[in-house]
Amino acid sequence: MTTHLEIERSERADAVVVAARGEIDLASAPELERHLNDAIGDGHVVIDLLGITFVDSTGLRALIMADERAREKGGRLTLVLAPGPVTKLFDITGVDQHLTVTDSVDSALAAT
């Protein structure tokens, strides 16, 4: 099956940045979860979602669970979102009230 999600990981300024492009849905959420599980430790994980065009409930759940795992391990997670449909989804569902959200990777790293 062809994936419609691309994920890159990099180490920057005392944080792990996981950048995703494409769609996060039932088919691709497990891949994102694997990458996030590998990145989560006792530090800061920045999830760059600027290249994401669609997120379904499975994707929201994967991000919420990653935040919970990070907190359990003494770390933290920050989502980077751009204005648009994905940010609107986070707003409508209230997920943005439970997760740390910012509008750029630089601002997320500055909070490290």
C-alpha atoms as a PDB file:
ATOM      1  CA  MET A   1       0.000   0.000   0.000  1.00  0.00           C
ATOM      2  CA  THR A   2       1.302   3.454  -0.895  1.00  0.00           C
ATOM      3  CA  THR A   3       1.575   5.840   2.009  1.00  0.00           C
ATOM      4  CA  HIS A   4       0.313   9.388   1.831  1.00  0.00           C
ATOM      5  CA  LEU A   5       2.403  10.512   4.781  1.00  0.00           C
ATOM      6  CA  GLU A   6       6.079  11.476   4.752  1.00  0.00           C
ATOM      7  CA  ILE A   7       7.939  11.782   8.050  1.00  0.00           C
ATOM      8  CA  GLU A   8      11.406  13.157   8.742  1.00  0.00           C
ATOM      9  CA  ARG A   9      13.189  13.274  12.071  1.00  0.00           C
ATOM     10  CA  SER A  10      15.970  15.644  13.077  1.00  0.00           C
ATOM     11  CA  GLU A  11      17.775  16.611  16.273  1.00  0.00           C
ATOM     12  CA  ARG A  12      17.793  20.348  16.972  1.00  0.00           C
ATOM     13  CA  ALA A  13      18.495  22.546  19.986  1.00  0.00           C
ATOM     14  CA  ASP A  14      17.847  20.003  22.748  1.00  0.00           C
ATOM     15  CA  ALA A  15      14.741  18.697  20.996  1.00  0.00           C
ATOM     16  CA  VAL A  16      13.690  16.077  18.502  1.00  0.00           C
ATOM     17  CA  VAL A  17      11.741  17.513  15.563  1.00  0.00           C
ATOM     18  CA  VAL A  18       9.384  15.154  13.755  1.00  0.00           C
ATOM     19  CA  ALA A  19       8.158  16.791  10.538  1.00  0.00           C
ATOM     20  CA  ALA A  20       5.169  15.260   8.786  1.00  0.00           C
ATOM     21  CA  ARG A  21       3.754  16.004   5.343  1.00  0.00           C
ATOM     22  CA  GLY A  22       0.565  14.638   3.812  1.00  0.00           C
ATOM     23  CA  GLU A  23      -2.429  13.141   5.589  1.00  0.00           C
ATOM     24  CA  ILE A  24      -2.816  11.541   9.000  1.00  0.00           C
ATOM     25  CA  ASP A  25      -5.654   9.048   8.925  1.00  0.00           C
ATOM     26  CA  LEU A  26      -6.500   5.426   9.706  1.00  0.00           C
ATOM     27  CA  ALA A  27      -3.960   4.175   7.161  1.00  0.00           C
ATOM     28  CA  SER A  28      -1.055   6.437   8.122  1.00  0.00           C
ATOM     29  CA  ALA A  29      -1.541   7.040  11.869  1.00  0.00           C
ATOM     30  CA  PRO A  30       0.308   3.828  12.863  1.00  0.00           C
ATOM     31  CA  GLU A  31       3.404   5.015  10.973  1.00  0.00           C
ATOM     32  CA  LEU A  32       3.264   8.372  12.769  1.00  0.00           C
ATOM     33  CA  GLU A  33       2.834   6.592  16.112  1.00  0.00           C
ATOM     34  CA  ARG A  34       5.966   4.496  15.451  1.00  0.00           C
ATOM     35  CA  HIS A  35       8.031   7.597  14.697  1.00  0.00           C
ATOM     36  CA  LEU A  36       6.709   9.431  17.749  1.00  0.00           C
ATOM     37  CA  ASN A  37       7.316   6.453  20.049  1.00  0.00           C
ATOM     38  CA  ASP A  38      10.935   6.391  18.867  1.00  0.00           C
ATOM     39  CA  ALA A  39      11.311  10.141  19.476  1.00  0.00           C
ATOM     40  CA  ILE A  40       9.653  10.357  22.890  1.00  0.00           C
ATOM     41  CA  GLY A  41      11.983  10.287  25.847  1.00  0.00           C
ATOM     42  CA  ASP A  42      12.621  12.651  28.702  1.00  0.00           C
ATOM     43  CA  GLY A  43      13.108  15.674  26.456  1.00  0.00           C
ATOM     44  CA  HIS A  44      11.157  17.905  24.139  1.00  0.00           C
ATOM     45  CA  VAL A  45       9.534  16.555  20.967  1.00  0.00           C
ATOM     46  CA  VAL A  46       8.354  19.069  18.386  1.00  0.00           C
ATOM     47  CA  ILE A  47       5.857  17.720  15.861  1.00  0.00           C
ATOM     48  CA  ASP A  48       5.914  19.899  12.762  1.00  0.00           C
ATOM     49  CA  LEU A  49       2.489  19.550  11.137  1.00  0.00           C
ATOM     50  CA  LEU A  50       2.859  22.514   8.760  1.00  0.00           C
ATOM     51  CA  GLY A  51       2.824  20.118   5.803  1.00  0.00           C
ATOM     52  CA  ILE A  52      -0.263  18.206   6.937  1.00  0.00           C
ATOM     53  CA  THR A  53      -3.367  18.699   4.801  1.00  0.00           C
ATOM     54  CA  PHE A  54      -5.789  16.347   6.600  1.00  0.00           C
ATOM     55  CA  VAL A  55      -6.196  14.745  10.030  1.00  0.00           C
ATOM     56  CA  ASP A  56      -8.979  12.364  11.021  1.00  0.00           C
ATOM     57  CA  SER A  57      -9.970  11.152  14.487  1.00  0.00           C
ATOM     58  CA  THR A  58      -7.329   8.406  14.349  1.00  0.00           C
ATOM     59  CA  GLY A  59      -4.666  11.049  13.783  1.00  0.00           C
ATOM     60  CA  LEU A  60      -5.971  13.193  16.642  1.00  0.00           C
ATOM     61  CA  ARG A  61      -5.888  10.178  18.928  1.00  0.00           C
ATOM     62  CA  ALA A  62      -2.295   9.360  17.908  1.00  0.00           C
ATOM     63  CA  LEU A  63      -1.175  12.896  18.787  1.00  0.00           C
ATOM     64  CA  ILE A  64      -3.045  12.928  22.109  1.00  0.00           C
ATOM     65  CA  MET A  65      -1.582   9.551  23.073  1.00  0.00           C
ATOM     66  CA  ALA A  66       1.921  10.723  22.117  1.00  0.00           C
ATOM     67  CA  ASP A  67       1.485  13.736  24.404  1.00  0.00           C
ATOM     68  CA  GLU A  68       0.413  11.457  27.263  1.00  0.00           C
ATOM     69  CA  ARG A  69       3.422   9.149  26.711  1.00  0.00           C
ATOM     70  CA  ALA A  70       5.794  12.123  26.639  1.00  0.00           C
ATOM     71  CA  ARG A  71       4.401  13.441  29.934  1.00  0.00           C
ATOM     72  CA  GLU A  72       4.615   9.985  31.539  1.00  0.00           C
ATOM     73  CA  LYS A  73       8.320   9.862  30.626  1.00  0.00           C
ATOM     74  CA  GLY A  74       8.980  13.357  31.983  1.00  0.00           C
ATOM     75  CA  GLY A  75       9.159  14.987  28.572  1.00  0.00           C
ATOM     76  CA  ARG A  76       6.899  17.245  26.610  1.00  0.00           C
ATOM     77  CA  LEU A  77       5.446  17.557  23.174  1.00  0.00           C
ATOM     78  CA  THR A  78       4.705  20.673  21.101  1.00  0.00           C
ATOM     79  CA  LEU A  79       2.633  20.701  17.920  1.00  0.00           C
ATOM     80  CA  VAL A  80       3.392  23.201  15.153  1.00  0.00           C
ATOM     81  CA  LEU A  81       0.273  24.125  13.176  1.00  0.00           C
ATOM     82  CA  ALA A  82      -0.396  26.610  10.388  1.00  0.00           C
ATOM     83  CA  PRO A  83      -3.693  28.477  10.018  1.00  0.00           C
ATOM     84  CA  GLY A  84      -6.114  26.456   7.923  1.00  0.00           C
ATOM     85  CA  PRO A  85      -8.351  23.391   8.008  1.00  0.00           C
ATOM     86  CA  VAL A  86      -6.105  21.301  10.257  1.00  0.00           C
ATOM     87  CA  THR A  87      -5.833  24.065  12.850  1.00  0.00           C
ATOM     88  CA  LYS A  88      -9.585  24.568  12.633  1.00  0.00           C
ATOM     89  CA  LEU A  89     -10.098  20.866  13.403  1.00  0.00           C
ATOM     90  CA  PHE A  90      -7.906  21.172  16.499  1.00  0.00           C
ATOM     91  CA  ASP A  91      -9.912  24.233  17.556  1.00  0.00           C
ATOM     92  CA  ILE A  92     -13.352  22.697  16.937  1.00  0.00           C
ATOM     93  CA  THR A  93     -12.492  19.490  18.800  1.00  0.00           C
ATOM     94  CA  GLY A  94     -10.794  21.353  21.662  1.00  0.00           C
ATOM     95  CA  VAL A  95      -7.595  19.346  21.225  1.00  0.00           C
ATOM     96  CA  ASP A  96      -5.625  22.594  21.015  1.00  0.00           C
ATOM     97  CA  GLN A  97      -6.689  23.299  24.625  1.00  0.00           C
ATOM     98  CA  HIS A  98      -5.032  20.094  25.870  1.00  0.00           C
ATOM     99  CA  LEU A  99      -1.839  20.059  23.803  1.00  0.00           C
ATOM    100  CA  THR A 100       0.860  22.675  23.482  1.00  0.00           C
ATOM    101  CA  VAL A 101       0.463  24.320  20.072  1.00  0.00           C
ATOM    102  CA  THR A 102       2.556  26.975  18.341  1.00  0.00           C
ATOM    103  CA  ASP A 103       2.821  28.353  14.819  1.00  0.00           C
ATOM    104  CA  SER A 104       6.493  27.714  14.019  1.00  0.00           C
ATOM    105  CA  VAL A 105       9.261  25.252  14.737  1.00  0.00           C
ATOM    106  CA  ASP A 106      11.491  28.140  15.819  1.00  0.00           C
ATOM    107  CA  SER A 107       9.016  29.279  18.488  1.00  0.00           C
ATOM    108  CA  ALA A 108       8.633  25.676  19.694  1.00  0.00           C
ATOM    109  CA  LEU A 109      12.411  25.313  19.952  1.00  0.00           C
ATOM    110  CA  ALA A 110      12.729  28.659  21.731  1.00  0.00           C
ATOM    111  CA  ALA A 111      10.525  27.239  24.476  1.00  0.00           C
ATOM    112  CA  THR A 112      12.865  24.266  24.951  1.00  0.00           C
END
